[in-house]
C-alpha cells in the first residue's frame, strides 16, 4: 500500500443551498472511508467554490468549515465567473497544497463511490482519471441525442475530448501545474485537459438524477457552451467557410456559363422564384459566414484584454492538521 497522499475535492457551487447539506454529508462519509482505508491522507479536504451565488450557499459553506474544518474548506469568488472559471479557480488555489484533485458538481449526479476507483487508478500511475458515463438512461431523448451529437461533432471538428465525459475527473499535482500554463480566457476544460497529455484512463459510472435544486445548464447555456467549445478548440469552421466559398464560386461560374448558353440559344426566361431563392440562399450563407467569423473575433477580443478569469474574495482552509 503506497503512502497516503493528499486529495482535494473541488466542488463548484451556484445557488446550491438545497443540495449542499446532503452533498457535504456524503463527501464527509466518503473521506472518512478513504482515510480509514489508507487511500488518502488526513490532510485531505473538500473545497466548495461559491460562484457568486444569490442564495445562502456561501454562508452554508462557512458554517461547514467552522463546524468541521478537518474536512471542509471554501472559496468565495468576488462575482459569478461561470462554471468553468469556478472549477479552475478551485484547482489553481489548491494545486500547491494537494497531491491530487478531483472536480465534481455539487448536484450529486456524479457517483461519489467512483472516487475510490479514481484514487486507485492514480496510485497505479495515471496522472489523469476521467469519470465517464456508462449510459444516458436518465436523460430525455432530446438531451441524449444533442449530448452525443455534441461529442461526435467535437471529434469531427478536431477537438480531443473524452466521449461522455463532463468535468468529473482526477488530476495529479503535475497535471495541475501544467494546466496553470494555459492562459486562455475562453475556458473549455474538457478539451484543455487531454491536451496536457500524461498517462490517463477512464472509470465508468451511472449518472443519477439531480438530488435537489434546478439545473444550471438549460438549453440556452448548453448551446452557448457547445459553441464556445467548438470555437475555442478548432478552426475547422473557418476552413469550412473557405470550402463553401470555393464551391459557391464554382457553381457561380457554371451558372454564368449556363446563362450565356441559354441566352444565345434563345430559350431563357426571367424567373422571379429562382432569382429570389438564389438571393436568399447566398445571403444566408454570407450571414452565417460572418457570424462564424464574428465568434472567432470575439474570442480574440476577450483574449487580448487579458482580464483575470476569476477573482477570489475569500479562501477559508485549515491546513494545521
Protein backbone atom coordinates (compact mmCIF):
# COMPACT_ATOMS: atom_id res chain seq x y z
CA UNK A 1 0.00 0.00 0.00
CA UNK A 2 1.55 3.37 -1.03
CA UNK A 3 1.89 6.22 1.42
CA UNK A 4 -1.47 8.04 1.56
CA UNK A 5 -1.42 11.27 -0.43
CA UNK A 6 -3.50 14.42 -0.07
CA UNK A 7 -6.72 14.66 -2.06
CA UNK A 8 -8.60 17.92 -2.52
CA UNK A 9 -12.12 17.82 -3.93
CA UNK A 10 -13.09 20.95 -5.87
CA UNK A 11 -16.87 21.39 -5.96
CA UNK A 12 -18.21 24.48 -7.81
CA UNK A 13 -21.47 25.80 -6.34
CA UNK A 14 -24.00 28.23 -7.75
CA UNK A 15 -27.22 28.57 -5.74
CA UNK A 16 -26.84 25.10 -4.24
CA UNK A 17 -28.38 25.64 -0.79
CA UNK A 18 -30.93 22.88 -1.44
CA UNK A 19 -28.36 20.18 -2.12
CA UNK A 20 -25.32 21.32 -0.12
CA UNK A 21 -26.24 19.63 3.20
CA UNK A 22 -26.60 16.22 1.54
CA UNK A 23 -23.53 16.70 -0.66
CA UNK A 24 -21.33 17.62 2.31
CA UNK A 25 -22.69 14.69 4.32
CA UNK A 26 -21.93 12.14 1.61
CA UNK A 27 -18.50 13.57 0.84
CA UNK A 28 -17.54 13.53 4.52
CA UNK A 29 -18.57 9.88 4.78
CA UNK A 30 -16.54 9.08 1.67
CA UNK A 31 -13.50 10.92 3.00
CA UNK A 32 -13.70 9.11 6.33
CA UNK A 33 -13.83 5.81 4.46
CA UNK A 34 -10.86 6.68 2.23
CA UNK A 35 -8.77 7.87 5.18
CA UNK A 36 -9.57 4.76 7.27
CA UNK A 37 -8.55 2.55 4.33
CA UNK A 38 -5.27 4.42 3.96
CA UNK A 39 -6.05 5.66 0.43
CA UNK A 40 -5.74 9.37 1.23
CA UNK A 41 -4.06 11.35 4.00
CA UNK A 42 -5.94 13.06 6.83
CA UNK A 43 -4.83 16.41 5.36
CA UNK A 44 -7.28 15.91 2.50
CA UNK A 45 -10.10 18.44 2.18
CA UNK A 46 -13.32 19.19 0.29
CA UNK A 47 -13.26 22.71 -1.19
CA UNK A 48 -16.60 24.23 -2.12
CA UNK A 49 -16.24 27.10 -4.60
CA UNK A 50 -19.04 29.66 -4.33
CA UNK A 51 -19.53 31.11 -7.80
CA UNK A 52 -21.40 34.29 -6.89
CA UNK A 53 -24.48 32.52 -5.53
CA UNK A 54 -27.54 34.62 -4.72
CA UNK A 55 -28.85 32.31 -2.00
CA UNK A 56 -27.29 31.08 1.26
CA UNK A 57 -24.66 28.89 -0.39
CA UNK A 58 -21.63 30.85 0.90
CA UNK A 59 -22.94 31.19 4.46
CA UNK A 60 -23.58 27.43 4.47
CA UNK A 61 -20.03 26.78 3.27
CA UNK A 62 -18.71 28.97 6.08
CA UNK A 63 -20.80 27.04 8.60
CA UNK A 64 -19.48 23.73 7.27
CA UNK A 65 -15.91 24.95 7.66
CA UNK A 66 -16.49 26.31 11.15
CA UNK A 67 -18.20 23.12 12.34
CA UNK A 68 -15.79 20.71 10.64
CA UNK A 69 -12.56 22.37 9.46
CA UNK A 70 -10.88 18.97 9.20
CA UNK A 71 -12.89 18.16 6.08
CA UNK A 72 -14.41 21.32 4.61
CA UNK A 73 -12.84 24.42 3.07
CA UNK A 74 -14.33 27.17 0.95
CA UNK A 75 -13.50 29.64 -1.79
CA UNK A 76 -15.72 32.67 -2.37
CA UNK A 77 -15.44 34.29 -5.79
CA UNK A 78 -15.99 38.03 -5.93
CA UNK A 79 -18.65 37.61 -8.62
CA UNK A 80 -20.24 34.96 -10.78
CA UNK A 81 -17.45 33.83 -13.09
CA UNK A 82 -19.15 30.83 -14.68
CA UNK A 83 -18.84 27.10 -14.07
CA UNK A 84 -15.54 26.55 -15.90
CA UNK A 85 -13.86 29.52 -14.23
CA UNK A 86 -15.12 28.37 -10.82
CA UNK A 87 -13.61 24.93 -11.39
CA UNK A 88 -10.32 26.47 -12.50
CA UNK A 89 -10.29 28.85 -9.53
CA UNK A 90 -10.54 25.90 -7.15
CA UNK A 91 -7.87 23.90 -8.94
CA UNK A 92 -5.40 26.79 -9.11
CA UNK A 93 -5.95 27.56 -5.42
CA UNK A 94 -5.23 24.01 -4.22
CA UNK A 95 -2.56 22.95 -6.74
CA UNK A 96 0.30 23.69 -4.34
CA UNK A 97 -1.26 22.06 -1.26
CA UNK A 98 -2.51 18.78 -2.68
CA UNK A 99 -1.08 15.73 -4.40
CA UNK A 100 -4.20 15.14 -6.47
CA UNK A 101 -7.50 16.91 -7.03
CA UNK A 102 -10.93 15.75 -8.15
CA UNK A 103 -13.53 18.07 -9.63
CA UNK A 104 -17.23 17.28 -9.47
CA UNK A 105 -20.50 19.20 -9.43
CA UNK A 106 -22.50 19.69 -6.23
CA UNK A 107 -25.76 18.21 -7.53
CA UNK A 108 -24.83 14.57 -6.70
CA UNK A 109 -25.37 13.39 -10.26
CA UNK A 110 -21.79 12.16 -10.35
CA UNK A 111 -21.36 8.94 -8.39
CA UNK A 112 -19.31 9.66 -5.25
CA UNK A 113 -18.43 5.97 -4.93
CA UNK A 114 -16.42 6.30 -8.15
CA UNK A 115 -13.87 8.35 -6.20
CA UNK A 116 -12.39 5.12 -4.77
CA UNK A 117 -11.64 3.79 -8.26
CA UNK A 118 -10.20 7.16 -9.33
CA UNK A 119 -7.77 7.24 -6.41
CA UNK A 120 -6.75 3.62 -7.00
CA UNK A 121 -6.08 4.36 -10.69
CA UNK A 122 -3.97 7.32 -9.60
CA UNK A 123 -1.79 5.09 -7.45
CA UNK A 124 -1.38 2.78 -10.44
CA UNK A 125 0.43 5.60 -12.22
CA UNK A 126 -2.32 7.51 -14.00
CA UNK A 127 -1.94 11.29 -13.87
CA UNK A 128 -5.49 11.93 -15.13
CA UNK A 129 -8.53 9.77 -14.44
CA UNK A 130 -11.71 10.64 -16.33
CA UNK A 131 -15.15 9.87 -14.93
CA UNK A 132 -17.14 8.65 -17.93
CA UNK A 133 -20.86 7.93 -18.07
CA UNK A 134 -21.56 4.31 -18.89
CA UNK A 135 -25.06 5.12 -20.18
CA UNK A 136 -27.51 8.00 -20.60
CA UNK A 137 -30.65 6.22 -19.46
CA UNK A 138 -31.66 9.07 -17.13
CA UNK A 139 -31.59 11.65 -19.94
CA UNK A 140 -34.51 12.60 -22.11
CA UNK A 141 -34.30 11.60 -25.78
CA UNK A 142 -33.59 15.20 -26.78
CA UNK A 143 -30.79 15.68 -24.25
CA UNK A 144 -29.25 12.30 -25.07
CA UNK A 145 -29.39 13.00 -28.80
CA UNK A 146 -27.90 16.51 -28.51
CA UNK A 147 -25.21 15.48 -26.00
CA UNK A 148 -23.99 12.52 -28.04
CA UNK A 149 -24.14 14.65 -31.18
CA UNK A 150 -22.02 17.29 -29.44
CA UNK A 151 -19.21 14.85 -28.59
CA UNK A 152 -19.22 13.39 -32.10
CA UNK A 153 -19.23 16.84 -33.67
CA UNK A 154 -16.33 17.95 -31.46
CA UNK A 155 -14.35 14.94 -32.71
CA UNK A 156 -15.12 15.88 -36.30
CA UNK A 157 -14.01 19.44 -35.57
CA UNK A 158 -10.66 18.13 -34.35
CA UNK A 159 -11.08 18.64 -30.58
CA UNK A 160 -9.67 15.79 -28.48
CA UNK A 161 -12.47 15.24 -25.99
CA UNK A 162 -13.34 12.14 -23.98
CA UNK A 163 -16.71 10.77 -25.08
CA UNK A 164 -19.45 11.11 -22.43
CA UNK A 165 -17.09 12.84 -20.00
CA UNK A 166 -18.05 16.13 -18.36
CA UNK A 167 -15.99 17.68 -15.54
CA UNK A 168 -15.78 14.72 -13.14
CA UNK A 169 -12.06 13.90 -13.19
CA UNK A 170 -8.95 13.40 -11.09
CA UNK A 171 -5.73 15.24 -11.86
CA UNK A 172 -2.34 14.95 -10.23
CA UNK A 173 -0.29 17.88 -8.92
CA UNK A 174 1.91 17.54 -12.01
CA UNK A 175 -1.05 17.98 -14.35
CA UNK A 176 -2.39 20.90 -12.31
CA UNK A 177 0.91 22.73 -12.64
CA UNK A 178 0.83 22.23 -16.40
CA UNK A 179 -2.79 23.36 -16.53
CA UNK A 180 -1.69 26.62 -14.89
CA UNK A 181 0.32 27.36 -18.04
CA UNK A 182 -2.85 27.56 -20.13
CA UNK A 183 -3.71 31.25 -20.10
CA UNK A 184 -6.76 31.44 -22.36
CA UNK A 185 -9.83 33.28 -21.11
CA UNK A 186 -12.32 31.18 -23.07
CA UNK A 187 -12.18 28.02 -21.00
CA UNK A 188 -13.20 24.57 -22.16
CA UNK A 189 -11.61 22.22 -19.65
CA UNK A 190 -12.93 19.09 -21.37
CA UNK A 191 -10.67 19.96 -24.28
CA UNK A 192 -7.78 21.52 -22.35
CA UNK A 193 -7.01 18.61 -20.00
CA UNK A 194 -6.49 15.99 -22.77
CA UNK A 195 -4.05 18.41 -24.46
CA UNK A 196 -1.75 18.23 -21.42
CA UNK A 197 -1.02 14.57 -22.03
CA UNK A 198 0.46 12.20 -19.44
CA UNK A 199 -0.85 8.73 -18.68
CA UNK A 200 -4.63 8.66 -18.28
CA UNK A 201 -7.52 6.23 -18.04
CA UNK A 202 -11.31 6.14 -17.69
CA UNK A 203 -13.56 4.90 -14.92
CA UNK A 204 -17.22 4.34 -15.70
CA UNK A 205 -20.28 5.15 -13.63
CA UNK A 206 -24.01 5.65 -13.95
CA UNK A 207 -25.11 9.26 -13.62
CA UNK A 208 -28.02 9.85 -11.26
CA UNK A 209 -30.81 12.39 -11.32
CA UNK A 210 -30.11 15.75 -9.72
CA UNK A 211 -30.68 15.36 -5.95
CA UNK A 212 -32.30 18.77 -5.44
CA UNK A 213 -32.48 22.24 -6.89
CA UNK A 214 -32.61 23.28 -10.54
CA UNK A 215 -30.24 22.54 -13.39
CA UNK A 216 -27.72 25.29 -14.01
CA UNK A 217 -27.44 24.30 -17.68
CA UNK A 218 -30.70 24.97 -19.54
CA UNK A 219 -30.75 24.56 -23.32
CA UNK A 220 -29.57 28.13 -23.95
CA UNK A 221 -26.47 27.68 -21.80
CA UNK A 222 -25.80 24.24 -23.26
CA UNK A 223 -25.79 25.69 -26.77
CA UNK A 224 -23.50 28.55 -25.70
CA UNK A 225 -21.17 26.05 -24.02
CA UNK A 226 -21.07 23.91 -27.18
CA UNK A 227 -20.31 26.91 -29.41
CA UNK A 228 -17.59 28.05 -27.01
CA UNK A 229 -16.04 24.58 -27.00
CA UNK A 230 -16.00 24.33 -30.78
CA UNK A 231 -14.64 27.81 -31.45
CA UNK A 232 -12.08 27.57 -28.64
CA UNK A 233 -10.51 24.36 -29.90
CA UNK A 234 -10.97 24.20 -33.64
CA UNK A 235 -10.51 26.41 -36.70
CA UNK A 236 -12.35 23.94 -38.92
CA UNK A 237 -15.47 26.15 -39.09
CA UNK A 238 -13.29 28.84 -40.70
CA UNK A 239 -11.89 26.29 -43.14
CA UNK A 240 -15.45 25.16 -43.85
CA UNK A 241 -16.36 28.72 -44.81
CA UNK A 242 -13.45 28.75 -47.27
CA UNK A 243 -14.53 25.44 -48.79
CA UNK A 244 -18.16 26.56 -49.12
CA UNK A 245 -16.96 29.80 -50.71
CA UNK A 246 -14.91 27.87 -53.28
CA UNK A 247 -17.86 25.59 -54.07
CA UNK A 248 -20.19 28.57 -54.46
CA UNK A 249 -17.65 30.26 -56.76
CA UNK A 250 -17.52 27.17 -58.97
CA UNK A 251 -21.31 26.95 -59.04
CA UNK A 252 -21.48 30.64 -59.93
CA UNK A 253 -19.16 30.14 -62.90
CA UNK A 254 -21.28 27.19 -64.04
CA UNK A 255 -24.44 29.31 -63.66
CA UNK A 256 -22.90 32.14 -65.70
CA UNK A 257 -21.92 29.75 -68.50
CA UNK A 258 -25.40 28.23 -68.45
CA UNK A 259 -27.00 31.71 -68.62
CA UNK A 260 -24.87 32.68 -71.62
CA UNK A 261 -25.67 29.44 -73.43
CA UNK A 262 -29.36 29.86 -72.63
CA UNK A 263 -29.31 33.45 -73.88
CA UNK A 264 -27.62 32.51 -77.15
CA UNK A 265 -30.00 29.57 -77.60
CA UNK A 266 -32.98 31.84 -77.15
CA UNK A 267 -34.74 29.72 -74.54
CA UNK A 268 -34.03 31.78 -71.43
CA UNK A 269 -36.81 33.16 -69.26
CA UNK A 270 -36.67 35.58 -66.39
CA UNK A 271 -37.80 33.62 -63.31
CA UNK A 272 -38.70 35.57 -60.20
CA UNK A 273 -38.77 32.49 -57.92
CA UNK A 274 -35.35 31.21 -58.93
CA UNK A 275 -33.86 34.68 -58.58
CA UNK A 276 -35.30 35.23 -55.12
CA UNK A 277 -34.25 31.76 -53.92
CA UNK A 278 -30.68 32.30 -55.06
CA UNK A 279 -30.54 35.71 -53.38
CA UNK A 280 -31.84 34.37 -50.09
CA UNK A 281 -29.54 31.36 -50.26
CA UNK A 282 -26.39 33.36 -50.94
CA UNK A 283 -27.41 35.99 -48.38
CA UNK A 284 -27.97 33.34 -45.73
CA UNK A 285 -24.56 31.79 -46.38
CA UNK A 286 -22.90 35.19 -46.14
CA UNK A 287 -24.58 35.98 -42.82
CA UNK A 288 -23.66 32.54 -41.46
CA UNK A 289 -20.06 33.04 -42.54
CA UNK A 290 -19.95 36.48 -40.92
CA UNK A 291 -21.43 35.01 -37.74
CA UNK A 292 -18.79 32.30 -37.50
CA UNK A 293 -16.02 34.80 -38.18
CA UNK A 294 -17.56 37.07 -35.55
CA UNK A 295 -17.38 34.29 -32.97
CA UNK A 296 -13.65 33.96 -33.52
CA UNK A 297 -13.09 37.72 -33.50
CA UNK A 298 -15.00 37.87 -30.21
CA UNK A 299 -12.72 35.20 -28.78
CA UNK A 300 -9.64 37.16 -29.88
CA UNK A 301 -11.10 40.33 -28.36
CA UNK A 302 -11.60 38.61 -24.99
CA UNK A 303 -8.13 37.05 -25.05
CA UNK A 304 -6.12 40.17 -25.88
CA UNK A 305 -7.67 42.14 -23.00
CA UNK A 306 -6.11 39.57 -20.61
CA UNK A 307 -8.64 40.20 -17.87
CA UNK A 308 -8.49 37.86 -14.85
CA UNK A 309 -10.64 34.76 -15.30
CA UNK A 310 -11.74 34.84 -11.69
CA UNK A 311 -11.23 36.92 -8.55
CA UNK A 312 -11.10 35.18 -5.17
CA UNK A 313 -12.64 37.24 -2.41
CA UNK A 314 -12.02 34.73 0.40
CA UNK A 315 -10.37 31.34 0.95
CA UNK A 316 -11.09 29.53 4.21
CA UNK A 317 -8.93 26.48 4.83
CA UNK A 318 -7.43 24.68 7.78
CA UNK A 319 -4.06 23.15 6.97
CA UNK A 320 -2.84 22.69 10.54
CA UNK A 321 -3.64 19.01 10.75
